[in-house]
Every structure is written in structure tokens, then in C-alpha cells.
Amino acid sequence: MDMDEMMREISKYPNGTYLKLECEDGQLVLEGIIDTIYETDNRLDEEDIRYREFYACAVKIKKIIQNLKDKDCNINDLIEISVENQPALITLYDGSIVWKK
């Protein structure tokens, strides 16, 4: 299984690395740390032609900067980012861009 472009970029950083995630055109902006990168799937039966395996990253939320759509997220929650749930922009603490959609 190959990693998508976003996961290849994130995987260059160790667990515990600070990330700022901007989602839904700035409607949701979170700060967190990389918890782990793992293999997962889209929860369909393996015989289903739509079945997919991919890599995902669990990020532990440390700060909610903006939540204009009132998404269900709290400090210390783990959120999953993946090819099926990509933020528009991921940056490091210093503002360096890790990945941009």
C-alpha cells in the first residue's frame, strides 16, 4: 500500500510534532501533535469494489483556534486525518507548510 502525498509529508516528522490544521476553508482551525500514523480502511467489506486501504494520522488536539461550524471536537481528543479527511493546510509551529491541498 502506497502513502498519498499528504501522508508522505507528515510521515517525515516524529510523533509529538506540533501541527496546525486548517479545514473547511478556515471554518475549523486546530493545533495539535502527531500521535501516530497507521494503516486503515474505509470500513467497507473487502469484496466491495469501493473498498480502500490507506494511511491515516491521529492528531491529539491541543488548541481549538476556530470552530465556526461547531464540529464535535475537544482538547485532548484524537482526530484522524487521511486521504478521506484532508485539511486544506497543515503547517508546523514556525509556520512552515507541511502540506497544502
PDB file of N, CA and C in Angstrom:
ATOM      1  N   MET A   1       0.855  -1.171   0.000  1.00  0.00           N
ATOM      2  CA  MET A   1       0.000   0.000   0.000  1.00  0.00           C
ATOM      3  C   MET A   1       0.901   1.234   0.000  1.00  0.00           C
ATOM      4  N   ASP A   2       0.610   2.139  -0.911  1.00  0.00           N
ATOM      5  CA  ASP A   2       1.388   3.368  -1.014  1.00  0.00           C
ATOM      6  C   ASP A   2       0.753   4.473  -0.191  1.00  0.00           C
ATOM      7  N   MET A   3       1.601   5.389   0.291  1.00  0.00           N
ATOM      8  CA  MET A   3       1.102   6.560   1.018  1.00  0.00           C
ATOM      9  C   MET A   3       0.726   7.640   0.016  1.00  0.00           C
ATOM     10  N   ASP A   4      -0.352   8.358   0.310  1.00  0.00           N
ATOM     11  CA  ASP A   4      -0.696   9.512  -0.514  1.00  0.00           C
ATOM     12  C   ASP A   4       0.281  10.643  -0.193  1.00  0.00           C
ATOM     13  N   GLU A   5       0.251  11.693  -0.997  1.00  0.00           N
ATOM     14  CA  GLU A   5       1.203  12.802  -0.862  1.00  0.00           C
ATOM     15  C   GLU A   5       1.167  13.439   0.534  1.00  0.00           C
ATOM     16  N   MET A   6      -0.021  13.682   1.058  1.00  0.00           N
ATOM     17  CA  MET A   6      -0.125  14.312   2.382  1.00  0.00           C
ATOM     18  C   MET A   6       0.535  13.443   3.456  1.00  0.00           C
ATOM     19  N   MET A   7       0.249  12.144   3.433  1.00  0.00           N
ATOM     20  CA  MET A   7       0.808  11.259   4.453  1.00  0.00           C
ATOM     21  C   MET A   7       2.321  11.107   4.299  1.00  0.00           C
ATOM     22  N   ARG A   8       2.829  11.130   3.068  1.00  0.00           N
ATOM     23  CA  ARG A   8       4.287  11.080   2.880  1.00  0.00           C
ATOM     24  C   ARG A   8       4.946  12.279   3.544  1.00  0.00           C
ATOM     25  N   GLU A   9       4.330  13.448   3.427  1.00  0.00           N
ATOM     26  CA  GLU A   9       4.894  14.657   4.035  1.00  0.00           C
ATOM     27  C   GLU A   9       4.815  14.603   5.561  1.00  0.00           C
ATOM     28  N   ILE A  10       3.668  14.208   6.094  1.00  0.00           N
ATOM     29  CA  ILE A  10       3.508  14.119   7.552  1.00  0.00           C
ATOM     30  C   ILE A  10       4.457  13.086   8.137  1.00  0.00           C
ATOM     31  N   SER A  11       4.659  11.979   7.426  1.00  0.00           N
ATOM     32  CA  SER A  11       5.491  10.892   7.962  1.00  0.00           C
ATOM     33  C   SER A  11       6.967  11.275   8.104  1.00  0.00           C
ATOM     34  N   LYS A  12       7.357  12.412   7.578  1.00  0.00           N
ATOM     35  CA  LYS A  12       8.734  12.898   7.741  1.00  0.00           C
ATOM     36  C   LYS A  12       8.991  13.418   9.154  1.00  0.00           C
ATOM     37  N   TYR A  13       7.918  13.602   9.933  1.00  0.00           N
ATOM     38  CA  TYR A  13       8.032  14.183  11.270  1.00  0.00           C
ATOM     39  C   TYR A  13       7.717  13.134  12.332  1.00  0.00           C
ATOM     40  N   PRO A  14       8.417  13.188  13.469  1.00  0.00           N
ATOM     41  CA  PRO A  14       8.181  12.179  14.520  1.00  0.00           C
ATOM     42  C   PRO A  14       6.892  12.442  15.300  1.00  0.00           C
ATOM     43  N   ASN A  15       6.415  11.394  15.974  1.00  0.00           N
ATOM     44  CA  ASN A  15       5.284  11.561  16.888  1.00  0.00           C
ATOM     45  C   ASN A  15       5.627  12.673  17.871  1.00  0.00           C
ATOM     46  N   GLY A  16       4.626  13.472  18.227  1.00  0.00           N
ATOM     47  CA  GLY A  16       4.836  14.590  19.138  1.00  0.00           C
ATOM     48  C   GLY A  16       5.081  15.912  18.429  1.00  0.00           C
ATOM     49  N   THR A  17       5.216  15.884  17.105  1.00  0.00           N
ATOM     50  CA  THR A  17       5.433  17.110  16.339  1.00  0.00           C
ATOM     51  C   THR A  17       4.157  17.949  16.317  1.00  0.00           C
ATOM     52  N   TYR A  18       4.311  19.250  16.563  1.00  0.00           N
ATOM     53  CA  TYR A  18       3.203  20.198  16.535  1.00  0.00           C
ATOM     54  C   TYR A  18       2.727  20.388  15.100  1.00  0.00           C
ATOM     55  N   LEU A  19       1.422  20.375  14.901  1.00  0.00           N
ATOM     56  CA  LEU A  19       0.816  20.682  13.604  1.00  0.00           C
ATOM     57  C   LEU A  19      -0.347  21.645  13.807  1.00  0.00           C
ATOM     58  N   LYS A  20      -0.508  22.551  12.870  1.00  0.00           N
ATOM     59  CA  LYS A  20      -1.700  23.402  12.815  1.00  0.00           C
ATOM     60  C   LYS A  20      -2.481  22.947  11.597  1.00  0.00           C
ATOM     61  N   LEU A  21      -3.745  22.611  11.806  1.00  0.00           N
ATOM     62  CA  LEU A  21      -4.609  22.104  10.740  1.00  0.00           C
ATOM     63  C   LEU A  21      -5.687  23.128  10.433  1.00  0.00           C
ATOM     64  N   GLU A  22      -5.808  23.497   9.162  1.00  0.00           N
ATOM     65  CA  GLU A  22      -6.873  24.396   8.726  1.00  0.00           C
ATOM     66  C   GLU A  22      -7.785  23.609   7.803  1.00  0.00           C
ATOM     67  N   CYS A  23      -9.050  23.499   8.196  1.00  0.00           N
ATOM     68  CA  CYS A  23     -10.015  22.674   7.471  1.00  0.00           C
ATOM     69  C   CYS A  23     -11.200  23.512   7.012  1.00  0.00           C
ATOM     70  N   GLU A  24     -11.870  23.015   5.986  1.00  0.00           N
ATOM     71  CA  GLU A  24     -13.130  23.607   5.528  1.00  0.00           C
ATOM     72  C   GLU A  24     -13.020  25.108   5.296  1.00  0.00           C
ATOM     73  N   ASP A  25     -12.018  25.505   4.520  1.00  0.00           N
ATOM     74  CA  ASP A  25     -11.801  26.920   4.186  1.00  0.00           C
ATOM     75  C   ASP A  25     -11.699  27.809   5.420  1.00  0.00           C
ATOM     76  N   GLY A  26     -11.007  27.352   6.442  1.00  0.00           N
ATOM     77  CA  GLY A  26     -10.798  28.144   7.640  1.00  0.00           C
ATOM     78  C   GLY A  26     -11.924  28.066   8.647  1.00  0.00           C
ATOM     79  N   GLN A  27     -12.964  27.295   8.347  1.00  0.00           N
ATOM     80  CA  GLN A  27     -14.085  27.161   9.279  1.00  0.00           C
ATOM     81  C   GLN A  27     -13.669  26.421  10.550  1.00  0.00           C
ATOM     82  N   LEU A  28     -12.663  25.552  10.431  1.00  0.00           N
ATOM     83  CA  LEU A  28     -12.153  24.796  11.568  1.00  0.00           C
ATOM     84  C   LEU A  28     -10.633  24.883  11.549  1.00  0.00           C
ATOM     85  N   VAL A  29     -10.057  25.426  12.622  1.00  0.00           N
ATOM     86  CA  VAL A  29      -8.604  25.559  12.735  1.00  0.00           C
ATOM     87  C   VAL A  29      -8.199  24.993  14.094  1.00  0.00           C
ATOM     88  N   LEU A  30      -7.316  23.989  14.049  1.00  0.00           N
ATOM     89  CA  LEU A  30      -6.889  23.295  15.264  1.00  0.00           C
ATOM     90  C   LEU A  30      -5.375  23.263  15.357  1.00  0.00           C
ATOM     91  N   GLU A  31      -4.872  23.203  16.583  1.00  0.00           N
ATOM     92  CA  GLU A  31      -3.471  22.927  16.818  1.00  0.00           C
ATOM     93  C   GLU A  31      -3.401  21.609  17.562  1.00  0.00           C
ATOM     94  N   GLY A  32      -2.432  20.797  17.206  1.00  0.00           N
ATOM     95  CA  GLY A  32      -2.291  19.511  17.867  1.00  0.00           C
ATOM     96  C   GLY A  32      -0.925  18.914  17.630  1.00  0.00           C
ATOM     97  N   ILE A  33      -0.760  17.686  18.098  1.00  0.00           N
ATOM     98  CA  ILE A  33       0.506  16.983  17.918  1.00  0.00           C
ATOM     99  C   ILE A  33       0.243  15.629  17.262  1.00  0.00           C
ATOM    100  N   ILE A  34       1.221  15.189  16.468  1.00  0.00           N
ATOM    101  CA  ILE A  34       1.114  13.882  15.830  1.00  0.00           C
ATOM    102  C   ILE A  34       1.143  12.817  16.915  1.00  0.00           C
ATOM    103  N   ASP A  35       0.123  11.969  16.938  1.00  0.00           N
ATOM    104  CA  ASP A  35       0.080  10.861  17.886  1.00  0.00           C
ATOM    105  C   ASP A  35       0.657   9.603  17.243  1.00  0.00           C
ATOM    106  N   THR A  36       0.153   9.243  16.081  1.00  0.00           N
ATOM    107  CA  THR A  36       0.655   8.060  15.377  1.00  0.00           C
ATOM    108  C   THR A  36       0.167   8.060  13.935  1.00  0.00           C
ATOM    109  N   ILE A  37       0.874   7.341  13.092  1.00  0.00           N
ATOM    110  CA  ILE A  37       0.464   7.101  11.711  1.00  0.00           C
ATOM    111  C   ILE A  37       0.199   5.612  11.598  1.00  0.00           C
ATOM    112  N   TYR A  38      -0.884   5.252  10.936  1.00  0.00           N
ATOM    113  CA  TYR A  38      -1.286   3.845  10.902  1.00  0.00           C
ATOM    114  C   TYR A  38      -2.019   3.522   9.602  1.00  0.00           C
ATOM    115  N   GLU A  39      -2.137   2.230   9.325  1.00  0.00           N
ATOM    116  CA  GLU A  39      -2.905   1.751   8.180  1.00  0.00           C
ATOM    117  C   GLU A  39      -4.361   1.579   8.608  1.00  0.00           C
ATOM    118  N   THR A  40      -5.273   1.920   7.708  1.00  0.00           N
ATOM    119  CA  THR A  40      -6.692   1.762   7.987  1.00  0.00           C
ATOM    120  C   THR A  40      -7.426   1.492   6.673  1.00  0.00           C
ATOM    121  N   ASP A  41      -8.741   1.439   6.728  1.00  0.00           N
ATOM    122  CA  ASP A  41      -9.535   1.264   5.507  1.00  0.00           C
ATOM    123  C   ASP A  41     -10.826   2.061   5.641  1.00  0.00           C
ATOM    124  N   ASN A  42     -11.629   1.998   4.596  1.00  0.00           N
ATOM    125  CA  ASN A  42     -12.872   2.783   4.589  1.00  0.00           C
ATOM    126  C   ASN A  42     -14.071   2.013   5.150  1.00  0.00           C
ATOM    127  N   ARG A  43     -13.801   0.951   5.860  1.00  0.00           N
ATOM    128  CA  ARG A  43     -14.805   0.169   6.605  1.00  0.00           C
ATOM    129  C   ARG A  43     -15.837  -0.542   5.724  1.00  0.00           C
ATOM    130  N   LEU A  44     -15.531  -0.685   4.462  1.00  0.00           N
ATOM    131  CA  LEU A  44     -16.397  -1.472   3.595  1.00  0.00           C
ATOM    132  C   LEU A  44     -15.892  -2.910   3.578  1.00  0.00           C
ATOM    133  N   ASP A  45     -16.730  -3.823   3.163  1.00  0.00           N
ATOM    134  CA  ASP A  45     -16.337  -5.223   3.044  1.00  0.00           C
ATOM    135  C   ASP A  45     -15.237  -5.333   1.985  1.00  0.00           C
ATOM    136  N   GLU A  46     -14.259  -6.174   2.231  1.00  0.00           N
ATOM    137  CA  GLU A  46     -13.135  -6.310   1.304  1.00  0.00           C
ATOM    138  C   GLU A  46     -13.553  -6.720  -0.100  1.00  0.00           C
ATOM    139  N   GLU A  47     -14.679  -7.378  -0.239  1.00  0.00           N
ATOM    140  CA  GLU A  47     -15.161  -7.782  -1.559  1.00  0.00           C
ATOM    141  C   GLU A  47     -15.853  -6.633  -2.304  1.00  0.00           C
ATOM    142  N   ASP A  48     -16.193  -5.574  -1.605  1.00  0.00           N
ATOM    143  CA  ASP A  48     -16.847  -4.412  -2.222  1.00  0.00           C
ATOM    144  C   ASP A  48     -15.832  -3.717  -3.140  1.00  0.00           C
ATOM    145  N   ILE A  49     -16.239  -3.386  -4.373  1.00  0.00           N
ATOM    146  CA  ILE A  49     -15.310  -2.746  -5.321  1.00  0.00           C
ATOM    147  C   ILE A  49     -14.870  -1.354  -4.853  1.00  0.00           C
ATOM    148  N   ARG A  50     -15.588  -0.763  -3.917  1.00  0.00           N
ATOM    149  CA  ARG A  50     -15.230   0.563  -3.382  1.00  0.00           C
ATOM    150  C   ARG A  50     -14.293   0.480  -2.174  1.00  0.00           C
ATOM    151  N   TYR A  51     -13.961  -0.739  -1.760  1.00  0.00           N
ATOM    152  CA  TYR A  51     -13.074  -0.935  -0.604  1.00  0.00           C
ATOM    153  C   TYR A  51     -11.711  -0.312  -0.887  1.00  0.00           C
ATOM    154  N   ARG A  52     -11.172   0.413   0.121  1.00  0.00           N
ATOM    155  CA  ARG A  52      -9.853   1.059   0.006  1.00  0.00           C
ATOM    156  C   ARG A  52      -9.091   0.914   1.303  1.00  0.00           C
ATOM    157  N   GLU A  53      -7.800   0.712   1.186  1.00  0.00           N
ATOM    158  CA  GLU A  53      -6.883   0.786   2.318  1.00  0.00           C
ATOM    159  C   GLU A  53      -6.027   2.028   2.125  1.00  0.00           C
ATOM    160  N   PHE A  54      -5.669   2.686   3.221  1.00  0.00           N
ATOM    161  CA  PHE A  54      -4.863   3.894   3.135  1.00  0.00           C
ATOM    162  C   PHE A  54      -4.206   4.149   4.488  1.00  0.00           C
ATOM    163  N   TYR A  55      -3.303   5.098   4.521  1.00  0.00           N
ATOM    164  CA  TYR A  55      -2.670   5.513   5.769  1.00  0.00           C
ATOM    165  C   TYR A  55      -3.424   6.701   6.345  1.00  0.00           C
ATOM    166  N   ALA A  56      -3.413   6.783   7.670  1.00  0.00           N
ATOM    167  CA  ALA A  56      -4.049   7.897   8.369  1.00  0.00           C
ATOM    168  C   ALA A  56      -3.127   8.362   9.494  1.00  0.00           C
ATOM    169  N   CYS A  57      -3.373   9.556   9.978  1.00  0.00           N
ATOM    170  CA  CYS A  57      -2.598  10.124  11.078  1.00  0.00           C
ATOM    171  C   CYS A  57      -3.567  10.562  12.177  1.00  0.00           C
ATOM    172  N   ALA A  58      -3.322  10.086  13.389  1.00  0.00           N
ATOM    173  CA  ALA A  58      -4.090  10.550  14.543  1.00  0.00           C
ATOM    174  C   ALA A  58      -3.370  11.774  15.113  1.00  0.00           C
ATOM    175  N   VAL A  59      -4.124  12.846  15.284  1.00  0.00           N
ATOM    176  CA  VAL A  59      -3.584  14.089  15.837  1.00  0.00           C
ATOM    177  C   VAL A  59      -4.323  14.382  17.135  1.00  0.00           C
ATOM    178  N   LYS A  60      -3.572  14.609  18.205  1.00  0.00           N
ATOM    179  CA  LYS A  60      -4.164  14.941  19.501  1.00  0.00           C
ATOM    180  C   LYS A  60      -4.362  16.453  19.571  1.00  0.00           C
ATOM    181  N   ILE A  61      -5.612  16.880  19.709  1.00  0.00           N
ATOM    182  CA  ILE A  61      -5.953  18.304  19.719  1.00  0.00           C
ATOM    183  C   ILE A  61      -5.425  18.962  21.002  1.00  0.00           C
ATOM    184  N   LYS A  62      -4.678  20.049  20.819  1.00  0.00           N
ATOM    185  CA  LYS A  62      -4.160  20.813  21.953  1.00  0.00           C
ATOM    186  C   LYS A  62      -4.811  22.188  22.076  1.00  0.00           C
ATOM    187  N   LYS A  63      -5.330  22.714  20.945  1.00  0.00           N
ATOM    188  CA  LYS A  63      -5.971  24.035  20.980  1.00  0.00           C
ATOM    189  C   LYS A  63      -6.954  24.130  19.821  1.00  0.00           C
ATOM    190  N   ILE A  64      -8.126  24.673  20.098  1.00  0.00           N
ATOM    191  CA  ILE A  64      -9.123  24.930  19.058  1.00  0.00           C
ATOM    192  C   ILE A  64      -9.108  26.433  18.807  1.00  0.00           C
ATOM    193  N   ILE A  65      -8.603  26.821  17.655  1.00  0.00           N
ATOM    194  CA  ILE A  65      -8.476  28.240  17.330  1.00  0.00           C
ATOM    195  C   ILE A  65      -9.790  28.783  16.785  1.00  0.00           C
ATOM    196  N   GLN A  66     -10.429  27.987  15.934  1.00  0.00           N
ATOM    197  CA  GLN A  66     -11.690  28.415  15.335  1.00  0.00           C
ATOM    198  C   GLN A  66     -12.539  27.189  15.036  1.00  0.00           C
ATOM    199  N   ASN A  67     -13.830  27.285  15.358  1.00  0.00           N
ATOM    200  CA  ASN A  67     -14.760  26.193  15.094  1.00  0.00           C
ATOM    201  C   ASN A  67     -16.110  26.807  14.723  1.00  0.00           C
ATOM    202  N   LEU A  68     -16.172  27.397  13.537  1.00  0.00           N
ATOM    203  CA  LEU A  68     -17.363  28.125  13.114  1.00  0.00           C
ATOM    204  C   LEU A  68     -18.552  27.230  12.793  1.00  0.00           C
ATOM    205  N   LYS A  69     -18.304  25.958  12.480  1.00  0.00           N
ATOM    206  CA  LYS A  69     -19.403  25.035  12.176  1.00  0.00           C
ATOM    207  C   LYS A  69     -19.754  24.172  13.370  1.00  0.00           C
ATOM    208  N   ASP A  70     -19.196  24.511  14.530  1.00  0.00           N
ATOM    209  CA  ASP A  70     -19.480  23.806  15.783  1.00  0.00           C
ATOM    210  C   ASP A  70     -19.273  22.291  15.658  1.00  0.00           C
ATOM    211  N   LYS A  71     -18.133  21.914  15.072  1.00  0.00           N
ATOM    212  CA  LYS A  71     -17.779  20.494  14.952  1.00  0.00           C
ATOM    213  C   LYS A  71     -17.541  19.914  16.343  1.00  0.00           C
ATOM    214  N   ASP A  72     -17.829  18.645  16.500  1.00  0.00           N
ATOM    215  CA  ASP A  72     -17.638  17.965  17.772  1.00  0.00           C
ATOM    216  C   ASP A  72     -16.155  17.636  17.954  1.00  0.00           C
ATOM    217  N   CYS A  73     -15.421  18.513  18.638  1.00  0.00           N
ATOM    218  CA  CYS A  73     -14.011  18.274  18.928  1.00  0.00           C
ATOM    219  C   CYS A  73     -13.668  18.988  20.236  1.00  0.00           C
ATOM    220  N   ASN A  74     -12.796  18.364  20.992  1.00  0.00           N
ATOM    221  CA  ASN A  74     -12.415  18.887  22.304  1.00  0.00           C
ATOM    222  C   ASN A  74     -10.915  18.751  22.502  1.00  0.00           C
ATOM    223  N   ILE A  75     -10.381  19.546  23.410  1.00  0.00           N
ATOM    224  CA  ILE A  75      -8.970  19.449  23.769  1.00  0.00           C
ATOM    225  C   ILE A  75      -8.682  18.016  24.221  1.00  0.00           C
ATOM    226  N   ASN A  76      -7.558  17.476  23.770  1.00  0.00           N
ATOM    227  CA  ASN A  76      -7.070  16.114  24.044  1.00  0.00           C
ATOM    228  C   ASN A  76      -7.810  15.016  23.290  1.00  0.00           C
ATOM    229  N   ASP A  77      -8.810  15.358  22.466  1.00  0.00           N
ATOM    230  CA  ASP A  77      -9.417  14.367  21.572  1.00  0.00           C
ATOM    231  C   ASP A  77      -8.413  14.003  20.489  1.00  0.00           C
ATOM    232  N   LEU A  78      -8.537  12.802  19.965  1.00  0.00           N
ATOM    233  CA  LEU A  78      -7.772  12.404  18.795  1.00  0.00           C
ATOM    234  C   LEU A  78      -8.663  12.562  17.570  1.00  0.00           C
ATOM    235  N   ILE A  79      -8.121  13.182  16.527  1.00  0.00           N
ATOM    236  CA  ILE A  79      -8.842  13.269  15.258  1.00  0.00           C
ATOM    237  C   ILE A  79      -7.998  12.564  14.208  1.00  0.00           C
ATOM    238  N   GLU A  80      -8.667  12.054  13.193  1.00  0.00           N
ATOM    239  CA  GLU A  80      -7.970  11.351  12.124  1.00  0.00           C
ATOM    240  C   GLU A  80      -7.930  12.215  10.885  1.00  0.00           C
ATOM    241  N   ILE A  81      -6.734  12.364  10.312  1.00  0.00           N
ATOM    242  CA  ILE A  81      -6.615  12.984   9.001  1.00  0.00           C
ATOM    243  C   ILE A  81      -6.078  11.926   8.045  1.00  0.00           C
ATOM    244  N   SER A  82      -6.608  11.942   6.839  1.00  0.00           N
ATOM    245  CA  SER A  82      -6.227  10.931   5.849  1.00  0.00           C
ATOM    246  C   SER A  82      -6.648  11.429   4.473  1.00  0.00           C
ATOM    247  N   VAL A  83      -6.441  10.594   3.476  1.00  0.00           N
ATOM    248  CA  VAL A  83      -6.863  10.918   2.124  1.00  0.00           C
ATOM    249  C   VAL A  83      -8.384  11.123   2.073  1.00  0.00           C
ATOM    250  N   GLU A  84      -9.100  10.552   3.018  1.00  0.00           N
ATOM    251  CA  GLU A  84     -10.553  10.715   3.061  1.00  0.00           C
ATOM    252  C   GLU A  84     -10.999  11.882   3.945  1.00  0.00           C
ATOM    253  N   ASN A  85     -10.064  12.504   4.639  1.00  0.00           N
ATOM    254  CA  ASN A  85     -10.381  13.605   5.546  1.00  0.00           C
ATOM    255  C   ASN A  85      -9.182  14.554   5.579  1.00  0.00           C
ATOM    256  N   GLN A  86      -8.949  15.245   4.469  1.00  0.00           N
ATOM    257  CA  GLN A  86      -7.764  16.086   4.340  1.00  0.00           C
ATOM    258  C   GLN A  86      -8.028  17.527   4.761  1.00  0.00           C
ATOM    259  N   PRO A  87      -7.169  18.073   5.618  1.00  0.00           N
ATOM    260  CA  PRO A  87      -7.232  19.509   5.877  1.00  0.00           C
ATOM    261  C   PRO A  87      -6.801  20.269   4.620  1.00  0.00           C
ATOM    262  N   ALA A  88      -7.189  21.521   4.518  1.00  0.00           N
ATOM    263  CA  ALA A  88      -6.769  22.344   3.383  1.00  0.00           C
ATOM    264  C   ALA A  88      -5.304  22.742   3.511  1.00  0.00           C
ATOM    265  N   LEU A  89      -4.833  22.884   4.773  1.00  0.00           N
ATOM    266  CA  LEU A  89      -3.468  23.333   5.023  1.00  0.00           C
ATOM    267  C   LEU A  89      -2.960  22.742   6.325  1.00  0.00           C
ATOM    268  N   ILE A  90      -1.714  22.277   6.301  1.00  0.00           N
ATOM    269  CA  ILE A  90      -1.046  21.787   7.502  1.00  0.00           C
ATOM    270  C   ILE A  90       0.283  22.525   7.614  1.00  0.00           C
ATOM    271  N   THR A  91       0.514  23.153   8.775  1.00  0.00           N
ATOM    272  CA  THR A  91       1.771  23.872   8.994  1.00  0.00           C
ATOM    273  C   THR A  91       2.418  23.419  10.295  1.00  0.00           C
ATOM    274  N   LEU A  92       3.702  23.731  10.414  1.00  0.00           N
ATOM    275  CA  LEU A  92       4.441  23.487  11.653  1.00  0.00           C
ATOM    276  C   LEU A  92       4.323  24.706  12.557  1.00  0.00           C
ATOM    277  N   TYR A  93       4.883  24.618  13.757  1.00  0.00           N
ATOM    278  CA  TYR A  93       4.830  25.705  14.742  1.00  0.00           C
ATOM    279  C   TYR A  93       5.395  27.009  14.180  1.00  0.00           C
ATOM    280  N   ASP A  94       6.466  26.903  13.374  1.00  0.00           N
ATOM    281  CA  ASP A  94       7.104  28.104  12.825  1.00  0.00           C
ATOM    282  C   ASP A  94       6.399  28.643  11.579  1.00  0.00           C
ATOM    283  N   GLY A  95       5.304  28.013  11.182  1.00  0.00           N
ATOM    284  CA  GLY A  95       4.553  28.461  10.014  1.00  0.00           C
ATOM    285  C   GLY A  95       4.951  27.780   8.715  1.00  0.00           C
ATOM    286  N   SER A  96       5.982  26.940   8.751  1.00  0.00           N
ATOM    287  CA  SER A  96       6.409  26.216   7.551  1.00  0.00           C
ATOM    288  C   SER A  96       5.280  25.310   7.085  1.00  0.00           C
ATOM    289  N   ILE A  97       5.043  25.286   5.785  1.00  0.00           N
ATOM    290  CA  ILE A  97       3.971  24.468   5.227  1.00  0.00           C
ATOM    291  C   ILE A  97       4.430  23.017   5.104  1.00  0.00           C
ATOM    292  N   VAL A  98       3.676  22.115   5.719  1.00  0.00           N
ATOM    293  CA  VAL A  98       3.908  20.683   5.589  1.00  0.00           C
ATOM    294  C   VAL A  98       3.186  20.181   4.360  1.00  0.00           C
ATOM    295  N   TRP A  99       1.936  20.612   4.187  1.00  0.00           N
ATOM    296  CA  TRP A  99       1.114  20.158   3.063  1.00  0.00           C
ATOM    297  C   TRP A  99       0.006  21.165   2.802  1.00  0.00           C
ATOM    298  N   LYS A 100      -0.307  21.361   1.537  1.00  0.00           N
ATOM    299  CA  LYS A 100      -1.399  22.243   1.135  1.00  0.00           C
ATOM    300  C   LYS A 100      -2.202  21.544   0.058  1.00  0.00           C
ATOM    301  N   LYS A 101      -3.517  21.527   0.233  1.00  0.00           N
ATOM    302  CA  LYS A 101      -4.442  20.853  -0.708  1.00  0.00           C
ATOM    303  C   LYS A 101      -4.480  21.570  -2.029  1.00  0.00           C
TER     304      LYS A 101
END
